[in-house]
Amino acid sequence: MTREVLWTLVVRALLIAAGFISSIITARFLGPEGRGVFFYWTTLAALAIQFGNLGLHSSNTYYLAKGHVRLSTLAANSFWTSLFGGVVLGGLLTLFLWLTGGLLRDTWPLLLPALLMISSGLYFLLGTNLLVADSRIGEYNGFELASRYLGLATLSFAAWYWRTPQALLVGMSIVAALICLPLYYRLRVLGGEGQASFRLIKDGFGYAMRAYLATAIGFAVLRLNALLLGQYMDAEALGIWSIAAQLLDVIIVIPSTIALVLLPRIMRSEQPYDLMQSQLRLVALALALVCAIAAWLGHGAITIVYGEHFAGASTMLLWGLPGAWALGLTSILSQYLASVGIPLALIWIWLAGLVVELAMAMWLIPMSGGVGAMVSLSAAYLTILGMVWTLAARHRSAHRENRNA
């Protein structure tokens, strides 16, 4: 498992680097306006995939890791769901643009590749998560790298040769579709030919929706402060805060990578809580060390890399580090709860955390700006950690009592 975690961390670093390079390329070759157009349409496609999957990738992972269904059936479900879901989500996106006045004659060259990216992106999400559930982390990493760097190469060529957002979107949509072909073939080789099962989708709908809601609320907790800062503070304060938030995202890569590798193992384990607890101790120590280093080097590193104008981000980072530590531990604990069916109480816990953050942010941001935003974020994540830990312990106790009864 250690080798898989290290390899996945390397892959995550390469993916972050690819994203950074692509942002430079689009900014340099397209300019502010072209970059804005490209960012807008890729964001629409990404949001459609993020909020349109309805947690199906989570239920697929659960059923396959638990051995409840064959890989071939889930692969067939993923294929047809991606086609149908892409049509539905694409139709809803088109309708939204039409109702808001954004669907004009000159938008079709931008809309059509975005629609293609939705179906392809859905299949890539569902298919690669099946590889994770089958404990094929190396293959999952390989597909992630291939997708990102083929996209980067295509984006670089299109930006250099055509220098239009339309060309970049077309190139990205072609890559998104092409990468699905070897993924489809690999799943067929691993699982064989299978028939789709609508009943399986229906049976897994409850689990999928619980996973979906927990993820959506967690995303809201993570990004709510950016919206509130935009309401109460100027663009300069928001820009400084974004540097601190981006550094926290990088720190969170470590526990999220361990959680990714841990999930299929914990679902197959006869002692899932003990396995989770052993990894939780390691993550707590490793993450505490990383946070200590970030606190020590933060001010100097931020000043050197971003300039004196962003020096205030170091103070914000300090107040956000407890939240990053708590979120990292929560991600490990949540894998155990995922293995026992995602209790409904987990959704209420995330809602409670969202309420804590909203209340504190509305109180602290007008007074302390970005520091107040980070304090509210850390308070919310520490609250969530305490409640999730308690929930996991209770489920373990209940499982022991049922086994001894």
Protein backbone atom coordinates (compact mmCIF):
# COMPACT_ATOMS: atom_id res chain seq x y z
CA MET A 1 0.00 0.00 0.00
CA THR A 2 2.89 2.36 0.76
CA ARG A 3 4.19 2.03 -2.80
CA GLU A 4 0.73 2.76 -4.23
CA VAL A 5 0.37 5.85 -2.03
CA LEU A 6 3.80 7.20 -3.03
CA TRP A 7 3.15 6.57 -6.72
CA THR A 8 -0.24 8.24 -6.48
CA LEU A 9 1.31 11.24 -4.69
CA VAL A 10 3.80 11.58 -7.56
CA VAL A 11 0.93 11.42 -10.05
CA ARG A 12 -0.99 14.08 -8.11
CA ALA A 13 2.07 16.34 -8.21
CA LEU A 14 2.32 15.84 -11.97
CA LEU A 15 -1.38 16.60 -12.40
CA ILE A 16 -1.01 19.82 -10.40
CA ALA A 17 1.98 20.78 -12.55
CA ALA A 18 0.00 20.12 -15.74
CA GLY A 19 -2.82 22.35 -14.51
CA PHE A 20 -0.35 25.11 -13.69
CA ILE A 21 1.29 24.89 -17.13
CA SER A 22 -2.06 24.89 -18.94
CA SER A 23 -3.14 28.02 -17.08
CA ILE A 24 0.05 29.79 -18.23
CA ILE A 25 -0.42 28.66 -21.85
CA THR A 26 -4.04 29.76 -22.08
CA ALA A 27 -3.26 33.09 -20.44
CA ARG A 28 -0.28 33.79 -22.72
CA PHE A 29 -1.79 32.75 -26.05
CA LEU A 30 -5.45 33.66 -25.57
CA GLY A 31 -5.16 36.81 -23.50
CA PRO A 32 -7.57 37.78 -20.71
CA GLU A 33 -10.74 37.68 -22.84
CA GLY A 34 -9.98 34.40 -24.63
CA ARG A 35 -8.83 32.81 -21.38
CA GLY A 36 -12.09 33.89 -19.77
CA VAL A 37 -14.18 32.35 -22.55
CA PHE A 38 -12.24 29.08 -22.40
CA PHE A 39 -12.45 28.95 -18.60
CA TYR A 40 -16.20 29.65 -18.65
CA TRP A 41 -17.08 26.77 -21.00
CA THR A 42 -14.74 24.22 -19.43
CA THR A 43 -16.14 25.18 -16.03
CA LEU A 44 -19.70 24.61 -17.25
CA ALA A 45 -18.73 21.14 -18.48
CA ALA A 46 -16.89 20.33 -15.23
CA LEU A 47 -19.84 21.46 -13.10
CA ALA A 48 -22.22 19.34 -15.18
CA ILE A 49 -20.01 16.30 -14.56
CA GLN A 50 -19.45 17.09 -10.87
CA PHE A 51 -23.08 17.65 -9.98
CA GLY A 52 -24.67 15.44 -12.64
CA ASN A 53 -23.12 12.09 -11.73
CA LEU A 54 -25.55 11.74 -8.77
CA GLY A 55 -23.01 9.70 -6.81
CA LEU A 56 -23.14 6.73 -9.20
CA HIS A 57 -19.35 6.35 -9.13
CA SER A 58 -19.54 5.90 -5.33
CA SER A 59 -22.22 3.20 -5.48
CA ASN A 60 -20.28 1.43 -8.27
CA THR A 61 -17.18 1.41 -6.08
CA TYR A 62 -19.15 0.09 -3.11
CA TYR A 63 -20.82 -2.78 -5.00
CA LEU A 64 -17.66 -3.88 -6.79
CA ALA A 65 -15.35 -3.65 -3.76
CA LYS A 66 -17.87 -5.59 -1.67
CA GLY A 67 -18.12 -8.26 -4.35
CA HIS A 68 -21.88 -7.81 -4.78
CA VAL A 69 -21.84 -7.52 -8.57
CA ARG A 70 -19.64 -8.26 -11.57
CA LEU A 71 -17.34 -5.67 -13.10
CA SER A 72 -18.86 -6.27 -16.55
CA THR A 73 -22.31 -5.21 -15.35
CA LEU A 74 -21.03 -2.02 -13.75
CA ALA A 75 -18.94 -1.23 -16.84
CA ALA A 76 -22.02 -1.57 -19.05
CA ASN A 77 -24.04 0.58 -16.66
CA SER A 78 -21.31 3.23 -16.75
CA PHE A 79 -21.28 3.29 -20.54
CA TRP A 80 -25.02 3.70 -21.02
CA THR A 81 -25.38 6.07 -18.08
CA SER A 82 -22.71 8.32 -19.59
CA LEU A 83 -24.49 8.44 -22.94
CA PHE A 84 -27.93 9.05 -21.45
CA GLY A 85 -26.64 11.39 -18.74
CA GLY A 86 -24.64 13.37 -21.28
CA VAL A 87 -27.75 13.92 -23.41
CA VAL A 88 -29.85 14.96 -20.40
CA LEU A 89 -27.19 17.22 -18.86
CA GLY A 90 -26.38 18.71 -22.25
CA GLY A 91 -30.05 19.45 -22.82
CA LEU A 92 -30.36 21.09 -19.41
CA LEU A 93 -27.26 23.20 -20.05
CA THR A 94 -28.59 24.29 -23.44
CA LEU A 95 -31.96 25.14 -21.89
CA PHE A 96 -30.26 27.15 -19.14
CA LEU A 97 -28.26 29.16 -21.68
CA TRP A 98 -31.38 29.75 -23.76
CA LEU A 99 -33.41 30.97 -20.78
CA THR A 100 -30.62 33.26 -19.57
CA GLY A 101 -29.99 34.70 -23.03
CA GLY A 102 -26.57 33.10 -23.36
CA LEU A 103 -27.47 30.83 -26.29
CA LEU A 104 -26.58 32.89 -29.35
CA ARG A 105 -25.51 31.97 -32.86
CA ASP A 106 -21.81 32.46 -32.12
CA THR A 107 -21.94 30.27 -28.98
CA TRP A 108 -22.62 27.00 -30.82
CA PRO A 109 -18.92 26.43 -31.72
CA LEU A 110 -18.26 26.68 -27.97
CA LEU A 111 -21.30 24.76 -26.75
CA LEU A 112 -20.97 21.67 -28.94
CA PRO A 113 -17.46 20.63 -27.77
CA ALA A 114 -18.52 21.38 -24.18
CA LEU A 115 -21.45 18.97 -24.60
CA LEU A 116 -19.12 16.27 -25.92
CA MET A 117 -16.87 16.75 -22.89
CA ILE A 118 -19.81 16.09 -20.56
CA SER A 119 -20.52 12.56 -21.85
CA SER A 120 -16.82 11.72 -22.14
CA GLY A 121 -16.08 13.16 -18.72
CA LEU A 122 -18.88 11.17 -17.11
CA TYR A 123 -17.62 7.92 -18.60
CA PHE A 124 -14.03 8.68 -17.60
CA LEU A 125 -15.15 9.40 -14.02
CA LEU A 126 -17.24 6.24 -13.73
CA GLY A 127 -14.77 4.00 -15.55
CA THR A 128 -11.65 5.04 -13.65
CA ASN A 129 -13.48 4.68 -10.33
CA LEU A 130 -14.17 1.06 -11.28
CA LEU A 131 -10.40 0.58 -11.59
CA VAL A 132 -10.01 2.02 -8.07
CA ALA A 133 -12.71 -0.32 -6.73
CA ASP A 134 -10.89 -3.25 -8.35
CA SER A 135 -7.68 -2.15 -6.55
CA ARG A 136 -5.99 -1.26 -9.84
CA ILE A 137 -4.56 2.01 -8.53
CA GLY A 138 -1.62 1.92 -10.95
CA GLU A 139 -3.92 1.72 -13.97
CA TYR A 140 -6.11 4.47 -12.53
CA ASN A 141 -3.05 6.71 -12.19
CA GLY A 142 -1.96 5.83 -15.71
CA PHE A 143 -5.27 6.89 -17.22
CA GLU A 144 -5.28 10.10 -15.16
CA LEU A 145 -1.79 11.01 -16.39
CA ALA A 146 -2.54 10.10 -20.00
CA SER A 147 -5.73 12.14 -20.01
CA ARG A 148 -4.16 15.24 -18.45
CA TYR A 149 -0.95 15.30 -20.49
CA LEU A 150 -2.57 14.41 -23.82
CA GLY A 151 -4.94 17.27 -23.09
CA LEU A 152 -2.00 19.53 -22.26
CA ALA A 153 -0.21 18.64 -25.51
CA THR A 154 -3.36 19.22 -27.55
CA LEU A 155 -4.08 22.48 -25.77
CA SER A 156 -0.52 23.69 -26.36
CA PHE A 157 -0.67 22.94 -30.09
CA ALA A 158 -4.13 24.49 -30.55
CA ALA A 159 -3.16 27.59 -28.56
CA TRP A 160 0.04 28.03 -30.57
CA TYR A 161 -1.47 27.32 -34.01
CA TRP A 162 -5.02 28.78 -33.83
CA ARG A 163 -5.05 30.94 -30.68
CA THR A 164 -8.83 30.81 -30.26
CA PRO A 165 -10.89 29.39 -27.38
CA GLN A 166 -13.04 27.52 -29.90
CA ALA A 167 -10.03 25.57 -31.19
CA LEU A 168 -8.91 24.73 -27.67
CA LEU A 169 -12.37 23.47 -26.72
CA VAL A 170 -12.59 21.30 -29.84
CA GLY A 171 -9.15 19.84 -29.15
CA MET A 172 -9.96 19.14 -25.51
CA SER A 173 -13.27 17.49 -26.40
CA ILE A 174 -11.54 15.20 -28.92
CA VAL A 175 -8.94 14.14 -26.35
CA ALA A 176 -11.69 13.55 -23.76
CA ALA A 177 -13.50 11.24 -26.17
CA LEU A 178 -10.38 9.42 -27.39
CA ILE A 179 -9.10 8.58 -23.89
CA CYS A 180 -12.39 6.79 -23.23
CA LEU A 181 -11.64 4.24 -25.98
CA PRO A 182 -8.72 2.46 -24.24
CA LEU A 183 -10.59 2.75 -20.93
CA TYR A 184 -13.62 1.04 -22.47
CA TYR A 185 -11.40 -1.67 -23.96
CA ARG A 186 -9.55 -2.25 -20.68
CA LEU A 187 -12.78 -2.65 -18.72
CA ARG A 188 -14.00 -5.15 -21.33
CA VAL A 189 -10.77 -7.13 -20.95
CA LEU A 190 -10.99 -7.13 -17.15
CA GLY A 191 -14.69 -7.87 -16.80
CA GLY A 192 -15.73 -9.43 -20.08
CA GLU A 193 -18.91 -8.65 -21.94
CA GLY A 194 -21.86 -7.77 -19.73
CA GLN A 195 -25.39 -6.44 -19.86
CA ALA A 196 -26.50 -3.21 -18.25
CA SER A 197 -28.80 -3.52 -15.23
CA PHE A 198 -31.26 -0.74 -14.52
CA ARG A 199 -32.35 -2.57 -11.39
CA LEU A 200 -28.81 -2.35 -10.02
CA ILE A 201 -28.80 1.42 -10.57
CA LYS A 202 -32.15 1.62 -8.80
CA ASP A 203 -30.98 -0.53 -5.86
CA GLY A 204 -27.84 1.57 -5.44
CA PHE A 205 -29.65 4.89 -5.71
CA GLY A 206 -29.90 5.40 -1.94
CA TYR A 207 -26.17 4.87 -1.37
CA ALA A 208 -25.32 7.00 -4.39
CA MET A 209 -27.47 9.90 -3.22
CA ARG A 210 -26.02 9.83 0.29
CA ALA A 211 -22.51 9.95 -1.17
CA TYR A 212 -23.59 12.66 -3.59
CA LEU A 213 -25.12 14.87 -0.91
CA ALA A 214 -22.16 14.47 1.44
CA THR A 215 -19.76 15.41 -1.38
CA ALA A 216 -21.88 18.37 -2.53
CA ILE A 217 -22.20 19.79 0.99
CA GLY A 218 -18.48 19.23 1.57
CA PHE A 219 -17.77 21.19 -1.61
CA ALA A 220 -20.00 23.99 -0.33
CA VAL A 221 -18.11 24.08 2.99
CA LEU A 222 -14.83 24.32 1.09
CA ARG A 223 -15.86 27.10 -1.30
CA LEU A 224 -18.42 29.12 0.67
CA ASN A 225 -15.81 31.53 2.02
CA ALA A 226 -14.81 32.63 -1.47
CA LEU A 227 -18.38 33.79 -2.12
CA LEU A 228 -18.64 35.60 1.22
CA LEU A 229 -15.25 37.27 0.76
CA GLY A 230 -16.44 38.51 -2.61
CA GLN A 231 -19.42 40.12 -0.89
CA TYR A 232 -17.59 41.75 2.03
CA MET A 233 -14.05 42.39 0.77
CA ASP A 234 -12.40 43.84 -2.33
CA ALA A 235 -10.74 41.86 -5.13
CA GLU A 236 -7.26 42.37 -3.66
CA ALA A 237 -8.20 40.70 -0.36
CA LEU A 238 -9.84 37.84 -2.24
CA GLY A 239 -6.71 37.38 -4.35
CA ILE A 240 -4.47 37.17 -1.28
CA TRP A 241 -6.84 34.70 0.38
CA SER A 242 -6.89 32.55 -2.78
CA ILE A 243 -3.13 31.92 -2.41
CA ALA A 244 -3.59 30.60 1.13
CA ALA A 245 -6.57 28.49 0.00
CA GLN A 246 -4.57 27.04 -2.90
CA LEU A 247 -1.72 26.04 -0.57
CA LEU A 248 -4.21 24.29 1.73
CA ASP A 249 -5.55 22.38 -1.30
CA VAL A 250 -2.02 21.13 -2.00
CA ILE A 251 -1.60 19.96 1.61
CA ILE A 252 -4.90 18.06 1.43
CA VAL A 253 -3.57 16.05 -1.52
CA ILE A 254 -1.66 13.80 0.94
CA PRO A 255 -4.63 12.46 2.97
CA SER A 256 -6.94 12.39 -0.05
CA THR A 257 -4.43 10.18 -1.87
CA ILE A 258 -4.22 7.77 1.08
CA ALA A 259 -8.02 7.74 1.28
CA LEU A 260 -8.25 6.87 -2.42
CA VAL A 261 -5.94 3.88 -2.06
CA LEU A 262 -7.49 2.83 1.27
CA LEU A 263 -11.13 2.69 0.14
CA PRO A 264 -11.19 -0.66 -1.76
CA ARG A 265 -9.00 -2.28 0.89
CA ILE A 266 -11.18 -1.15 3.75
CA MET A 267 -14.33 -2.34 1.98
CA ARG A 268 -12.88 -5.84 1.58
CA SER A 269 -11.35 -6.04 5.05
CA GLU A 270 -12.86 -8.18 7.80
CA GLN A 271 -11.71 -5.55 10.31
CA PRO A 272 -12.33 -2.26 8.48
CA TYR A 273 -12.27 -0.05 11.58
CA ASP A 274 -8.89 -1.37 12.74
CA LEU A 275 -7.43 -0.89 9.25
CA MET A 276 -8.81 2.63 9.10
CA GLN A 277 -7.48 3.46 12.57
CA SER A 278 -3.96 2.31 11.72
CA GLN A 279 -3.91 4.63 8.70
CA LEU A 280 -5.53 7.43 10.70
CA ARG A 281 -2.62 7.53 13.15
CA LEU A 282 -0.08 7.70 10.32
CA VAL A 283 -2.01 10.45 8.52
CA ALA A 284 -2.40 12.46 11.74
CA LEU A 285 1.36 12.43 12.38
CA ALA A 286 2.39 13.01 8.75
CA LEU A 287 -0.10 15.81 8.27
CA ALA A 288 0.91 17.48 11.55
CA LEU A 289 4.53 17.47 10.35
CA VAL A 290 3.56 18.95 6.97
CA CYS A 291 1.48 21.66 8.66
CA ALA A 292 4.37 22.51 11.00
CA ILE A 293 6.73 22.88 8.03
CA ALA A 294 4.16 25.02 6.21
CA ALA A 295 3.80 27.27 9.26
CA TRP A 296 7.58 27.59 9.57
CA LEU A 297 8.34 28.29 5.90
CA GLY A 298 5.04 29.88 4.88
CA HIS A 299 5.88 33.57 5.09
CA GLY A 300 9.25 33.36 3.39
CA ALA A 301 8.10 30.96 0.67
CA ILE A 302 4.99 32.98 -0.18
CA THR A 303 6.96 36.24 -0.34
CA ILE A 304 9.63 34.74 -2.60
CA VAL A 305 7.25 32.95 -4.97
CA TYR A 306 4.35 35.40 -5.15
CA GLY A 307 5.90 38.71 -4.05
CA GLU A 308 5.52 41.08 -1.11
CA HIS A 309 1.96 41.99 -2.11
CA PHE A 310 0.85 38.47 -1.11
CA ALA A 311 2.73 38.31 2.21
CA GLY A 312 -0.58 38.53 4.11
CA ALA A 313 -1.50 35.08 2.81
CA SER A 314 0.96 33.54 5.29
CA THR A 315 -1.12 34.68 8.27
CA MET A 316 -4.27 33.34 6.65
CA LEU A 317 -2.48 30.06 5.98
CA LEU A 318 -1.58 29.70 9.65
CA TRP A 319 -5.23 29.98 10.69
CA GLY A 320 -6.27 27.53 7.97
CA LEU A 321 -3.79 24.77 8.87
CA PRO A 322 -5.88 23.31 11.75
CA GLY A 323 -8.75 22.96 9.29
CA ALA A 324 -6.53 21.21 6.75
CA TRP A 325 -5.37 18.75 9.44
CA ALA A 326 -8.96 18.09 10.51
CA LEU A 327 -10.18 17.64 6.92
CA GLY A 328 -7.38 15.17 6.22
CA LEU A 329 -8.39 12.99 9.17
CA THR A 330 -12.05 13.29 8.23
CA SER A 331 -11.31 11.94 4.75
CA ILE A 332 -9.78 8.79 6.28
CA LEU A 333 -12.62 8.30 8.79
CA SER A 334 -15.15 8.76 5.98
CA GLN A 335 -13.75 5.74 4.14
CA TYR A 336 -14.81 3.52 7.03
CA LEU A 337 -18.29 5.05 7.00
CA ALA A 338 -18.43 4.50 3.23
CA SER A 339 -17.67 0.82 3.81
CA VAL A 340 -20.69 0.48 6.14
CA GLY A 341 -23.14 2.13 3.74
CA ILE A 342 -22.69 5.89 4.39
CA PRO A 343 -25.00 6.52 7.38
CA LEU A 344 -27.56 9.26 6.87
CA ALA A 345 -26.13 10.96 9.96
CA LEU A 346 -23.00 11.77 7.95
CA ILE A 347 -25.00 14.14 5.74
CA TRP A 348 -26.42 15.90 8.80
CA ILE A 349 -22.89 16.25 10.17
CA TRP A 350 -21.73 18.03 7.03
CA LEU A 351 -24.81 20.24 7.14
CA ALA A 352 -23.98 21.14 10.74
CA GLY A 353 -20.44 22.01 9.67
CA LEU A 354 -21.81 24.20 6.89
CA VAL A 355 -23.99 26.05 9.40
CA VAL A 356 -21.02 26.56 11.75
CA GLU A 357 -18.90 27.95 8.95
CA LEU A 358 -21.65 30.21 7.61
CA ALA A 359 -22.43 31.67 11.03
CA MET A 360 -18.79 32.28 11.93
CA ALA A 361 -17.84 33.58 8.49
CA MET A 362 -20.65 36.14 8.46
CA TRP A 363 -19.47 37.29 11.89
CA LEU A 364 -15.68 37.23 11.36
CA ILE A 365 -15.13 38.15 7.68
CA PRO A 366 -16.45 41.74 8.00
CA MET A 367 -14.06 42.26 10.94
CA SER A 368 -10.98 40.24 9.97
CA GLY A 369 -11.28 39.57 6.23
CA GLY A 370 -9.32 36.55 4.97
CA VAL A 371 -8.13 35.62 8.46
CA GLY A 372 -11.74 35.45 9.61
CA ALA A 373 -12.57 33.26 6.63
CA MET A 374 -9.79 30.82 7.57
CA VAL A 375 -10.80 30.77 11.24
CA SER A 376 -14.37 29.89 10.28
CA LEU A 377 -13.14 27.19 7.90
CA SER A 378 -10.93 25.60 10.56
CA ALA A 379 -13.72 25.78 13.16
CA ALA A 380 -16.11 24.04 10.76
CA TYR A 381 -13.66 21.25 9.88
CA LEU A 382 -12.71 20.63 13.52
CA THR A 383 -16.41 20.39 14.38
CA ILE A 384 -16.99 17.97 11.51
CA LEU A 385 -13.98 15.86 12.55
CA GLY A 386 -15.25 15.46 16.10
CA MET A 387 -18.72 14.40 14.99
CA VAL A 388 -17.49 12.05 12.23
CA TRP A 389 -15.07 10.39 14.65
CA THR A 390 -17.89 9.87 17.14
CA LEU A 391 -20.16 8.46 14.43
CA ALA A 392 -17.49 6.01 13.26
CA ALA A 393 -16.84 4.82 16.84
CA ARG A 394 -20.56 4.27 17.43
CA HIS A 395 -20.89 2.21 14.26
CA ARG A 396 -17.96 0.09 15.29
CA SER A 397 -19.50 -0.52 18.73
CA ALA A 398 -22.85 -1.40 17.18
CA HIS A 399 -21.14 -3.82 14.79
CA ARG A 400 -19.35 -5.52 17.68
CA GLU A 401 -22.56 -5.88 19.64
CA ASN A 402 -24.38 -7.40 16.65
CA ARG A 403 -21.54 -9.84 16.04
CA ASN A 404 -21.44 -10.93 19.69
CA ALA A 405 -25.22 -11.22 20.00
